[in-house]
Amino acid sequence: MYEFGETTSDLHDLGIPHPTETTHQLPHSEREQQLRRNGALYRRTGITLITADALAILTLMALPENAIWNNPTHRQLILLAVLLTGFTATALLTVGLLERQGRQTRTLIRRAMARADTNADLGDANRAAIDANRAAIMENTKLVAEAIITLTGIEKRLHALETAVEAVPGYADGLARGARVAASVLGIDPKED
C-alpha cells in the first residue's frame, strides 16, 4: 500500500493522504499542521521570554544604584515577575517540545490504525476463505462416504459372485484344466509350479 515515512508530514510532502485520515478520529492533516504551527509558536515564545528574562536580570544587576532596584519591595516584585515569566516561558517551551515529541507518536498511531484496518480486511477475507474451505471439505467428505458405500456394495456383490461360481459343479476341475491349458500354451511345465 504506502511506504510510510518517519512523520505524517512526509506523506503530505509527497501529496499522499494518510489512509486513516478519513476513517478515524485521529489528527487530520489540517489538525496536524495546526499542531505543528502552535508547537513552533510556543517554542519561539518560550525562548523569547527566557531571553527577555535574562536580559532584564542582567540589566537590573548592571545598574545597582537604580532607585527601583534598591527598594526591597520593588526588587521583590521584579524578581517575582521575572520568576513568573521564567515559569511561563519554561511551560511554553515544554509544551512546544512535547508537541515535537508527539509527532512520532501520532504517526505510529496512524500506522497502527492503518495496519489494524488492513488486518481486519484480511481477517474478513480469511474467514470467508476458511468458510469456503470448510464447505468444500464437507462436500468432499460426503463424496468419500458415498464412494465407500458404493465400494462396499461392489465388494459384497463380487464376494457373492465368487461364492456362486465356486458352488458350480466341476468348478475346481475346470480351473485345473484351464491352468494346464494356459501352461501348455505358454510352454510352462505345470509341475514346476
N, C-alpha and C. Protein backbone atom coordinates (compact mmCIF):
# COMPACT_ATOMS: atom_id res chain seq x y z
N MET A 1 0.84 -1.18 0.00
CA MET A 1 0.00 0.00 0.00
C MET A 1 0.88 1.24 0.00
N TYR A 2 1.17 1.82 1.17
CA TYR A 2 2.02 3.01 1.26
C TYR A 2 3.32 2.66 1.95
N GLU A 3 4.38 3.34 1.59
CA GLU A 3 5.61 3.29 2.35
C GLU A 3 5.59 4.50 3.27
N PHE A 4 5.42 4.28 4.56
CA PHE A 4 5.31 5.39 5.49
C PHE A 4 6.68 5.95 5.82
N GLY A 5 6.74 7.28 5.94
CA GLY A 5 7.97 7.95 6.34
C GLY A 5 8.05 8.02 7.85
N GLU A 6 8.97 8.82 8.34
CA GLU A 6 9.13 8.95 9.78
C GLU A 6 7.98 9.72 10.41
N THR A 7 7.45 10.72 9.72
CA THR A 7 6.35 11.50 10.27
C THR A 7 5.26 11.63 9.23
N THR A 8 4.10 12.05 9.69
CA THR A 8 2.97 12.20 8.78
C THR A 8 3.23 13.28 7.75
N SER A 9 4.04 14.28 8.11
CA SER A 9 4.31 15.35 7.15
C SER A 9 5.06 14.83 5.93
N ASP A 10 5.81 13.73 6.09
CA ASP A 10 6.48 13.15 4.93
C ASP A 10 5.46 12.74 3.88
N LEU A 11 4.34 12.19 4.34
CA LEU A 11 3.28 11.82 3.40
C LEU A 11 2.69 13.05 2.74
N HIS A 12 2.46 14.09 3.53
CA HIS A 12 1.85 15.30 2.97
C HIS A 12 2.80 15.99 2.00
N ASP A 13 4.11 15.92 2.28
CA ASP A 13 5.07 16.50 1.35
C ASP A 13 5.03 15.79 0.01
N LEU A 14 4.73 14.49 0.05
CA LEU A 14 4.61 13.72 -1.19
C LEU A 14 3.23 13.86 -1.83
N GLY A 15 2.32 14.52 -1.13
CA GLY A 15 0.96 14.67 -1.66
C GLY A 15 0.10 13.44 -1.46
N ILE A 16 0.50 12.58 -0.52
CA ILE A 16 -0.24 11.34 -0.27
C ILE A 16 -1.04 11.50 1.02
N PRO A 17 -2.36 11.40 0.97
CA PRO A 17 -3.12 11.45 2.21
C PRO A 17 -2.92 10.16 3.00
N HIS A 18 -2.85 10.30 4.29
CA HIS A 18 -2.71 9.11 5.11
C HIS A 18 -4.01 8.33 5.08
N PRO A 19 -3.95 6.99 4.99
CA PRO A 19 -5.18 6.21 4.84
C PRO A 19 -6.16 6.36 5.99
N THR A 20 -5.68 6.66 7.20
CA THR A 20 -6.58 6.73 8.34
C THR A 20 -7.20 8.10 8.53
N GLU A 21 -6.79 9.08 7.74
CA GLU A 21 -7.28 10.44 7.98
C GLU A 21 -8.76 10.59 7.72
N THR A 22 -9.31 9.78 6.88
CA THR A 22 -10.72 9.93 6.55
C THR A 22 -11.59 8.95 7.31
N THR A 23 -11.00 7.98 8.00
CA THR A 23 -11.81 6.95 8.63
C THR A 23 -11.74 6.92 10.14
N HIS A 24 -10.78 7.59 10.74
CA HIS A 24 -10.63 7.51 12.20
C HIS A 24 -10.54 8.90 12.81
N GLN A 25 -10.83 8.96 14.08
CA GLN A 25 -10.79 10.24 14.79
C GLN A 25 -9.38 10.52 15.30
N LEU A 26 -8.44 10.50 14.40
CA LEU A 26 -7.06 10.87 14.72
C LEU A 26 -6.81 12.25 14.13
N PRO A 27 -5.72 12.88 14.50
CA PRO A 27 -5.43 14.20 13.92
C PRO A 27 -5.37 14.14 12.40
N HIS A 28 -6.17 14.96 11.74
CA HIS A 28 -6.16 15.02 10.29
C HIS A 28 -5.02 15.93 9.85
N SER A 29 -4.81 16.05 8.58
CA SER A 29 -3.66 16.82 8.08
C SER A 29 -3.76 18.28 8.51
N GLU A 30 -4.96 18.87 8.47
CA GLU A 30 -5.09 20.27 8.89
C GLU A 30 -4.80 20.40 10.38
N ARG A 31 -5.31 19.45 11.14
CA ARG A 31 -5.07 19.45 12.59
C ARG A 31 -3.57 19.25 12.87
N GLU A 32 -2.96 18.36 12.11
CA GLU A 32 -1.53 18.11 12.28
C GLU A 32 -0.72 19.37 11.99
N GLN A 33 -1.06 20.06 10.92
CA GLN A 33 -0.34 21.29 10.58
C GLN A 33 -0.57 22.37 11.65
N GLN A 34 -1.80 22.44 12.17
CA GLN A 34 -2.09 23.41 13.23
C GLN A 34 -1.28 23.09 14.48
N LEU A 35 -1.20 21.81 14.83
CA LEU A 35 -0.39 21.41 15.99
C LEU A 35 1.08 21.79 15.78
N ARG A 36 1.58 21.59 14.58
CA ARG A 36 2.97 21.96 14.29
C ARG A 36 3.18 23.46 14.43
N ARG A 37 2.25 24.25 13.88
CA ARG A 37 2.39 25.71 13.97
C ARG A 37 2.34 26.17 15.42
N ASN A 38 1.38 25.63 16.19
CA ASN A 38 1.28 26.01 17.60
C ASN A 38 2.54 25.62 18.37
N GLY A 39 3.05 24.41 18.12
CA GLY A 39 4.26 23.97 18.80
C GLY A 39 5.44 24.87 18.50
N ALA A 40 5.59 25.25 17.23
CA ALA A 40 6.69 26.16 16.86
C ALA A 40 6.50 27.52 17.52
N LEU A 41 5.26 28.01 17.55
CA LEU A 41 4.98 29.30 18.20
C LEU A 41 5.32 29.23 19.69
N TYR A 42 4.92 28.16 20.36
CA TYR A 42 5.22 28.02 21.79
C TYR A 42 6.73 27.97 22.03
N ARG A 43 7.44 27.25 21.20
CA ARG A 43 8.90 27.17 21.37
C ARG A 43 9.54 28.54 21.18
N ARG A 44 9.14 29.25 20.13
CA ARG A 44 9.72 30.58 19.88
C ARG A 44 9.37 31.55 21.01
N THR A 45 8.11 31.53 21.45
CA THR A 45 7.69 32.42 22.53
C THR A 45 8.45 32.11 23.81
N GLY A 46 8.60 30.82 24.13
CA GLY A 46 9.33 30.43 25.33
C GLY A 46 10.77 30.88 25.29
N ILE A 47 11.42 30.68 24.16
CA ILE A 47 12.83 31.11 24.02
C ILE A 47 12.93 32.63 24.13
N THR A 48 11.98 33.34 23.52
CA THR A 48 11.99 34.80 23.59
C THR A 48 11.82 35.28 25.02
N LEU A 49 10.87 34.69 25.76
CA LEU A 49 10.65 35.10 27.15
C LEU A 49 11.86 34.79 28.04
N ILE A 50 12.48 33.64 27.84
CA ILE A 50 13.67 33.32 28.63
C ILE A 50 14.80 34.30 28.33
N THR A 51 14.96 34.63 27.06
CA THR A 51 15.98 35.62 26.68
C THR A 51 15.67 36.98 27.29
N ALA A 52 14.39 37.39 27.25
CA ALA A 52 14.00 38.68 27.83
C ALA A 52 14.24 38.69 29.34
N ASP A 53 13.93 37.59 30.02
CA ASP A 53 14.19 37.48 31.45
C ASP A 53 15.67 37.64 31.76
N ALA A 54 16.49 36.95 31.00
CA ALA A 54 17.94 37.03 31.24
C ALA A 54 18.44 38.45 31.02
N LEU A 55 17.96 39.10 29.96
CA LEU A 55 18.38 40.48 29.70
C LEU A 55 17.90 41.42 30.80
N ALA A 56 16.67 41.23 31.27
CA ALA A 56 16.14 42.09 32.34
C ALA A 56 16.96 41.92 33.62
N ILE A 57 17.28 40.69 33.97
CA ILE A 57 18.07 40.45 35.18
C ILE A 57 19.46 41.06 35.05
N LEU A 58 20.09 40.84 33.90
CA LEU A 58 21.43 41.42 33.69
C LEU A 58 21.39 42.94 33.72
N THR A 59 20.36 43.53 33.13
CA THR A 59 20.24 44.99 33.12
C THR A 59 20.06 45.53 34.53
N LEU A 60 19.18 44.91 35.32
CA LEU A 60 18.95 45.38 36.68
C LEU A 60 20.19 45.18 37.56
N MET A 61 20.94 44.12 37.32
CA MET A 61 22.15 43.90 38.12
C MET A 61 23.27 44.86 37.70
N ALA A 62 23.23 45.28 36.47
CA ALA A 62 24.26 46.22 35.99
C ALA A 62 24.03 47.62 36.52
N LEU A 63 22.83 47.92 36.93
CA LEU A 63 22.50 49.25 37.45
C LEU A 63 22.21 49.16 38.95
N PRO A 64 23.22 48.94 39.78
CA PRO A 64 22.96 48.77 41.21
C PRO A 64 22.49 50.04 41.90
N GLU A 65 22.80 51.20 41.35
CA GLU A 65 22.37 52.43 42.01
C GLU A 65 20.96 52.83 41.60
N ASN A 66 20.32 52.01 40.82
CA ASN A 66 18.97 52.32 40.35
C ASN A 66 18.03 52.34 41.55
N ALA A 67 17.18 53.35 41.63
CA ALA A 67 16.27 53.51 42.76
C ALA A 67 15.24 52.39 42.82
N ILE A 68 14.84 51.91 41.67
CA ILE A 68 13.85 50.83 41.67
C ILE A 68 14.48 49.56 42.24
N TRP A 69 15.70 49.26 41.83
CA TRP A 69 16.36 48.04 42.28
C TRP A 69 16.74 48.12 43.75
N ASN A 70 17.03 49.32 44.27
CA ASN A 70 17.43 49.47 45.67
C ASN A 70 16.25 49.33 46.62
N ASN A 71 15.05 49.57 46.17
CA ASN A 71 13.87 49.43 47.01
C ASN A 71 13.55 47.94 47.14
N PRO A 72 13.52 47.41 48.40
CA PRO A 72 13.30 45.97 48.59
C PRO A 72 11.94 45.49 48.06
N THR A 73 10.91 46.30 48.20
CA THR A 73 9.59 45.90 47.70
C THR A 73 9.60 45.81 46.19
N HIS A 74 10.19 46.82 45.55
CA HIS A 74 10.28 46.80 44.09
C HIS A 74 11.14 45.62 43.61
N ARG A 75 12.21 45.37 44.36
CA ARG A 75 13.09 44.27 43.98
C ARG A 75 12.34 42.93 44.05
N GLN A 76 11.54 42.75 45.11
CA GLN A 76 10.76 41.51 45.23
C GLN A 76 9.73 41.38 44.10
N LEU A 77 9.06 42.49 43.77
CA LEU A 77 8.08 42.45 42.68
C LEU A 77 8.76 42.14 41.34
N ILE A 78 9.92 42.75 41.12
CA ILE A 78 10.65 42.49 39.87
C ILE A 78 11.08 41.03 39.80
N LEU A 79 11.62 40.51 40.91
CA LEU A 79 12.05 39.12 40.92
C LEU A 79 10.86 38.17 40.74
N LEU A 80 9.71 38.52 41.36
CA LEU A 80 8.50 37.71 41.19
C LEU A 80 8.05 37.72 39.73
N ALA A 81 8.08 38.90 39.09
CA ALA A 81 7.69 39.00 37.68
C ALA A 81 8.64 38.19 36.80
N VAL A 82 9.95 38.30 37.09
CA VAL A 82 10.93 37.54 36.31
C VAL A 82 10.73 36.05 36.53
N LEU A 83 10.47 35.66 37.78
CA LEU A 83 10.26 34.25 38.08
C LEU A 83 9.01 33.72 37.38
N LEU A 84 7.91 34.45 37.44
CA LEU A 84 6.68 34.02 36.77
C LEU A 84 6.85 33.97 35.25
N THR A 85 7.55 34.97 34.73
CA THR A 85 7.82 34.96 33.29
C THR A 85 8.69 33.76 32.92
N GLY A 86 9.65 33.45 33.76
CA GLY A 86 10.51 32.28 33.53
C GLY A 86 9.72 30.98 33.55
N PHE A 87 8.81 30.86 34.55
CA PHE A 87 7.95 29.67 34.60
C PHE A 87 7.08 29.56 33.36
N THR A 88 6.49 30.70 32.97
CA THR A 88 5.64 30.71 31.77
C THR A 88 6.45 30.32 30.54
N ALA A 89 7.64 30.89 30.42
CA ALA A 89 8.49 30.58 29.26
C ALA A 89 8.87 29.10 29.25
N THR A 90 9.21 28.58 30.43
CA THR A 90 9.56 27.16 30.51
C THR A 90 8.38 26.28 30.15
N ALA A 91 7.19 26.65 30.63
CA ALA A 91 5.99 25.88 30.29
C ALA A 91 5.72 25.91 28.79
N LEU A 92 5.82 27.10 28.18
CA LEU A 92 5.60 27.20 26.73
C LEU A 92 6.63 26.39 25.96
N LEU A 93 7.86 26.49 26.38
CA LEU A 93 8.92 25.73 25.71
C LEU A 93 8.69 24.23 25.86
N THR A 94 8.27 23.81 27.05
CA THR A 94 7.99 22.40 27.29
C THR A 94 6.84 21.91 26.42
N VAL A 95 5.76 22.70 26.34
CA VAL A 95 4.62 22.31 25.51
C VAL A 95 5.04 22.21 24.05
N GLY A 96 5.84 23.16 23.59
CA GLY A 96 6.33 23.11 22.21
C GLY A 96 7.18 21.88 21.94
N LEU A 97 8.04 21.54 22.89
CA LEU A 97 8.88 20.36 22.72
C LEU A 97 8.06 19.07 22.81
N LEU A 98 7.05 19.07 23.69
CA LEU A 98 6.17 17.90 23.76
C LEU A 98 5.42 17.68 22.46
N GLU A 99 5.02 18.79 21.82
CA GLU A 99 4.35 18.65 20.52
C GLU A 99 5.29 18.01 19.51
N ARG A 100 6.53 18.43 19.53
CA ARG A 100 7.50 17.86 18.59
C ARG A 100 7.70 16.37 18.87
N GLN A 101 7.78 16.01 20.16
CA GLN A 101 7.93 14.60 20.51
C GLN A 101 6.68 13.80 20.15
N GLY A 102 5.52 14.45 20.23
CA GLY A 102 4.26 13.77 19.92
C GLY A 102 4.07 13.44 18.46
N ARG A 103 4.84 14.05 17.58
CA ARG A 103 4.69 13.78 16.14
C ARG A 103 4.92 12.32 15.83
N GLN A 104 5.99 11.77 16.35
CA GLN A 104 6.28 10.36 16.08
C GLN A 104 5.20 9.47 16.66
N THR A 105 4.71 9.81 17.84
CA THR A 105 3.66 9.01 18.45
C THR A 105 2.40 9.05 17.61
N ARG A 106 2.03 10.25 17.14
CA ARG A 106 0.83 10.35 16.29
C ARG A 106 1.01 9.55 15.00
N THR A 107 2.21 9.61 14.44
CA THR A 107 2.47 8.84 13.22
C THR A 107 2.37 7.34 13.51
N LEU A 108 2.92 6.90 14.64
CA LEU A 108 2.83 5.49 15.00
C LEU A 108 1.38 5.06 15.21
N ILE A 109 0.58 5.95 15.81
CA ILE A 109 -0.84 5.64 15.99
C ILE A 109 -1.51 5.50 14.64
N ARG A 110 -1.21 6.40 13.72
CA ARG A 110 -1.82 6.32 12.39
C ARG A 110 -1.40 5.04 11.68
N ARG A 111 -0.12 4.70 11.79
CA ARG A 111 0.33 3.46 11.16
C ARG A 111 -0.40 2.26 11.76
N ALA A 112 -0.49 2.26 13.08
CA ALA A 112 -1.16 1.14 13.75
C ALA A 112 -2.62 1.03 13.33
N MET A 113 -3.29 2.17 13.22
CA MET A 113 -4.70 2.15 12.81
C MET A 113 -4.83 1.67 11.36
N ALA A 114 -3.92 2.12 10.50
CA ALA A 114 -3.96 1.67 9.10
C ALA A 114 -3.72 0.17 9.02
N ARG A 115 -2.75 -0.30 9.81
CA ARG A 115 -2.47 -1.74 9.80
C ARG A 115 -3.63 -2.52 10.41
N ALA A 116 -4.27 -1.96 11.43
CA ALA A 116 -5.43 -2.64 12.02
C ALA A 116 -6.55 -2.76 10.99
N ASP A 117 -6.78 -1.69 10.22
CA ASP A 117 -7.79 -1.77 9.16
C ASP A 117 -7.44 -2.84 8.14
N THR A 118 -6.18 -2.83 7.72
CA THR A 118 -5.75 -3.83 6.74
C THR A 118 -5.89 -5.23 7.30
N ASN A 119 -5.48 -5.41 8.56
CA ASN A 119 -5.59 -6.73 9.18
C ASN A 119 -7.04 -7.16 9.33
N ALA A 120 -7.93 -6.21 9.64
CA ALA A 120 -9.35 -6.55 9.75
C ALA A 120 -9.89 -6.99 8.40
N ASP A 121 -9.50 -6.27 7.34
CA ASP A 121 -9.95 -6.66 6.00
C ASP A 121 -9.40 -8.04 5.64
N LEU A 122 -8.12 -8.27 5.94
CA LEU A 122 -7.54 -9.58 5.66
C LEU A 122 -8.20 -10.66 6.50
N GLY A 123 -8.52 -10.33 7.75
CA GLY A 123 -9.21 -11.30 8.61
C GLY A 123 -10.57 -11.68 8.04
N ASP A 124 -11.31 -10.68 7.54
CA ASP A 124 -12.61 -10.98 6.92
C ASP A 124 -12.43 -11.87 5.70
N ALA A 125 -11.43 -11.56 4.88
CA ALA A 125 -11.17 -12.37 3.68
C ALA A 125 -10.76 -13.78 4.08
N ASN A 126 -9.93 -13.88 5.13
CA ASN A 126 -9.51 -15.21 5.60
C ASN A 126 -10.68 -16.00 6.15
N ARG A 127 -11.58 -15.33 6.88
CA ARG A 127 -12.75 -16.03 7.40
C ARG A 127 -13.62 -16.55 6.26
N ALA A 128 -13.78 -15.74 5.21
CA ALA A 128 -14.57 -16.18 4.06
C ALA A 128 -13.90 -17.38 3.38
N ALA A 129 -12.57 -17.33 3.25
CA ALA A 129 -11.85 -18.46 2.64
C ALA A 129 -11.95 -19.71 3.51
N ILE A 130 -11.87 -19.53 4.82
CA ILE A 130 -12.00 -20.67 5.74
C ILE A 130 -13.38 -21.28 5.63
N ASP A 131 -14.42 -20.45 5.56
CA ASP A 131 -15.78 -20.97 5.41
C ASP A 131 -15.93 -21.72 4.09
N ALA A 132 -15.35 -21.17 3.01
CA ALA A 132 -15.42 -21.85 1.71
C ALA A 132 -14.68 -23.19 1.77
N ASN A 133 -13.52 -23.20 2.43
CA ASN A 133 -12.77 -24.46 2.58
C ASN A 133 -13.55 -25.47 3.42
N ARG A 134 -14.19 -24.99 4.46
CA ARG A 134 -14.98 -25.88 5.31
C ARG A 134 -16.11 -26.52 4.50
N ALA A 135 -16.79 -25.72 3.66
CA ALA A 135 -17.86 -26.25 2.82
C ALA A 135 -17.31 -27.27 1.82
N ALA A 136 -16.14 -26.97 1.23
CA ALA A 136 -15.54 -27.91 0.27
C ALA A 136 -15.14 -29.21 0.97
N ILE A 137 -14.61 -29.10 2.19
CA ILE A 137 -14.23 -30.31 2.93
C ILE A 137 -15.46 -31.15 3.25
N MET A 138 -16.55 -30.51 3.64
CA MET A 138 -17.79 -31.24 3.92
C MET A 138 -18.30 -31.95 2.66
N GLU A 139 -18.24 -31.26 1.52
CA GLU A 139 -18.67 -31.86 0.26
C GLU A 139 -17.78 -33.04 -0.10
N ASN A 140 -16.46 -32.87 0.07
CA ASN A 140 -15.53 -33.98 -0.20
C ASN A 140 -15.78 -35.15 0.73
N THR A 141 -16.09 -34.88 1.99
CA THR A 141 -16.38 -35.94 2.95
C THR A 141 -17.62 -36.72 2.52
N LYS A 142 -18.64 -36.00 2.06
CA LYS A 142 -19.85 -36.69 1.57
C LYS A 142 -19.52 -37.57 0.37
N LEU A 143 -18.71 -37.04 -0.58
CA LEU A 143 -18.34 -37.82 -1.76
C LEU A 143 -17.54 -39.06 -1.38
N VAL A 144 -16.62 -38.93 -0.43
CA VAL A 144 -15.83 -40.08 0.02
C VAL A 144 -16.73 -41.11 0.69
N ALA A 145 -17.68 -40.65 1.50
CA ALA A 145 -18.61 -41.58 2.16
C ALA A 145 -19.44 -42.33 1.12
N GLU A 146 -19.92 -41.61 0.10
CA GLU A 146 -20.69 -42.27 -0.95
C GLU A 146 -19.83 -43.28 -1.70
N ALA A 147 -18.56 -42.93 -1.97
CA ALA A 147 -17.66 -43.86 -2.66
C ALA A 147 -17.41 -45.10 -1.82
N ILE A 148 -17.25 -44.93 -0.51
CA ILE A 148 -17.03 -46.08 0.38
C ILE A 148 -18.26 -46.98 0.38
N ILE A 149 -19.44 -46.38 0.43
CA ILE A 149 -20.67 -47.17 0.41
C ILE A 149 -20.78 -47.94 -0.91
N THR A 150 -20.47 -47.27 -2.02
CA THR A 150 -20.53 -47.91 -3.33
C THR A 150 -19.52 -49.05 -3.42
N LEU A 151 -18.28 -48.82 -2.97
CA LEU A 151 -17.25 -49.87 -3.00
C LEU A 151 -17.62 -51.04 -2.11
N THR A 152 -18.22 -50.78 -0.97
CA THR A 152 -18.65 -51.86 -0.08
C THR A 152 -19.71 -52.71 -0.78
N GLY A 153 -20.64 -52.05 -1.47
CA GLY A 153 -21.67 -52.79 -2.22
C GLY A 153 -21.07 -53.63 -3.33
N ILE A 154 -20.10 -53.05 -4.06
CA ILE A 154 -19.43 -53.79 -5.14
C ILE A 154 -18.69 -54.99 -4.56
N GLU A 155 -18.02 -54.80 -3.44
CA GLU A 155 -17.27 -55.88 -2.80
C GLU A 155 -18.21 -57.01 -2.37
N LYS A 156 -19.35 -56.67 -1.84
CA LYS A 156 -20.33 -57.69 -1.43
C LYS A 156 -20.83 -58.47 -2.64
N ARG A 157 -21.10 -57.75 -3.74
CA ARG A 157 -21.59 -58.44 -4.95
C ARG A 157 -20.51 -59.34 -5.54
N LEU A 158 -19.24 -58.87 -5.54
CA LEU A 158 -18.15 -59.71 -6.03
C LEU A 158 -17.98 -60.96 -5.17
N HIS A 159 -18.09 -60.80 -3.87
CA HIS A 159 -17.98 -61.94 -2.96
C HIS A 159 -19.13 -62.93 -3.23
N ALA A 160 -20.33 -62.40 -3.43
CA ALA A 160 -21.48 -63.27 -3.73
C ALA A 160 -21.28 -63.99 -5.06
N LEU A 161 -20.74 -63.26 -6.06
CA LEU A 161 -20.48 -63.86 -7.36
C LEU A 161 -19.42 -64.95 -7.25
N GLU A 162 -18.37 -64.68 -6.49
CA GLU A 162 -17.30 -65.66 -6.28
C GLU A 162 -17.84 -66.91 -5.60
N THR A 163 -18.67 -66.71 -4.61
CA THR A 163 -19.28 -67.84 -3.91
C THR A 163 -20.17 -68.64 -4.86
N ALA A 164 -20.91 -67.94 -5.70
CA ALA A 164 -21.79 -68.62 -6.66
C ALA A 164 -20.98 -69.41 -7.68
N VAL A 165 -19.87 -68.82 -8.14
CA VAL A 165 -19.03 -69.52 -9.13
C VAL A 165 -18.39 -70.75 -8.50
N GLU A 166 -17.92 -70.65 -7.28
CA GLU A 166 -17.31 -71.80 -6.61
C GLU A 166 -18.32 -72.90 -6.35
N ALA A 167 -19.55 -72.55 -6.25
CA ALA A 167 -20.61 -73.55 -5.99
C ALA A 167 -21.00 -74.32 -7.25
N VAL A 168 -20.58 -73.85 -8.39
CA VAL A 168 -20.92 -74.54 -9.65
C VAL A 168 -20.19 -75.89 -9.67
N PRO A 169 -20.92 -77.03 -10.04
CA PRO A 169 -20.26 -78.34 -10.05
C PRO A 169 -19.16 -78.37 -11.12
N GLY A 170 -18.03 -78.92 -10.80
CA GLY A 170 -16.92 -79.05 -11.72
C GLY A 170 -16.06 -77.79 -11.81
N TYR A 171 -16.27 -76.85 -10.92
CA TYR A 171 -15.51 -75.59 -10.96
C TYR A 171 -14.04 -75.86 -10.71
N ALA A 172 -13.72 -76.66 -9.72
CA ALA A 172 -12.32 -76.93 -9.38
C ALA A 172 -11.63 -77.67 -10.52
N ASP A 173 -12.33 -78.66 -11.12
CA ASP A 173 -11.74 -79.40 -12.25
C ASP A 173 -11.54 -78.47 -13.44
N GLY A 174 -12.50 -77.61 -13.68
CA GLY A 174 -12.39 -76.66 -14.81
C GLY A 174 -11.25 -75.69 -14.59
N LEU A 175 -11.08 -75.26 -13.36
CA LEU A 175 -10.00 -74.34 -13.04
C LEU A 175 -8.65 -75.02 -13.26
N ALA A 176 -8.53 -76.30 -12.85
CA ALA A 176 -7.28 -77.04 -13.02
C ALA A 176 -7.00 -77.27 -14.50
N ARG A 177 -8.04 -77.65 -15.29
CA ARG A 177 -7.84 -77.84 -16.72
C ARG A 177 -7.43 -76.54 -17.39
N GLY A 178 -8.05 -75.42 -16.98
CA GLY A 178 -7.70 -74.12 -17.55
C GLY A 178 -6.26 -73.76 -17.26
N ALA A 179 -5.78 -74.09 -16.07
CA ALA A 179 -4.40 -73.81 -15.70
C ALA A 179 -3.45 -74.63 -16.56
N ARG A 180 -3.81 -75.92 -16.82
CA ARG A 180 -2.96 -76.78 -17.65
C ARG A 180 -2.91 -76.28 -19.09
N VAL A 181 -4.05 -75.86 -19.61
CA VAL A 181 -4.10 -75.34 -20.98
C VAL A 181 -3.26 -74.08 -21.08
N ALA A 182 -3.39 -73.21 -20.12
CA ALA A 182 -2.62 -71.97 -20.14
C ALA A 182 -1.13 -72.28 -20.06
N ALA A 183 -0.76 -73.27 -19.24
CA ALA A 183 0.65 -73.63 -19.11
C ALA A 183 1.18 -74.21 -20.41
N SER A 184 0.38 -75.03 -21.08
CA SER A 184 0.86 -75.62 -22.33
C SER A 184 0.98 -74.57 -23.42
N VAL A 185 0.07 -73.60 -23.42
CA VAL A 185 0.14 -72.54 -24.42
C VAL A 185 1.38 -71.69 -24.18
N LEU A 186 1.67 -71.43 -22.95
CA LEU A 186 2.82 -70.59 -22.61
C LEU A 186 4.12 -71.38 -22.58
N GLY A 187 4.03 -72.71 -22.66
CA GLY A 187 5.23 -73.54 -22.64
C GLY A 187 5.81 -73.69 -21.26
N ILE A 188 4.97 -73.69 -20.26
CA ILE A 188 5.40 -73.83 -18.87
C ILE A 188 5.01 -75.23 -18.41
N ASP A 189 5.92 -75.88 -17.72
CA ASP A 189 5.62 -77.20 -17.17
C ASP A 189 4.81 -76.99 -15.90
N PRO A 190 3.55 -77.48 -15.82
CA PRO A 190 2.72 -77.23 -14.64
C PRO A 190 3.27 -77.85 -13.38
N LYS A 191 4.14 -78.84 -13.49
CA LYS A 191 4.67 -79.48 -12.29
C LYS A 191 5.77 -78.64 -11.65
N GLU A 192 6.33 -77.69 -12.41
CA GLU A 192 7.38 -76.84 -11.84
C GLU A 192 6.80 -75.86 -10.83
N ASP A 193 5.59 -75.49 -11.02
CA ASP A 193 4.96 -74.53 -10.11
C ASP A 193 4.53 -75.27 -8.91
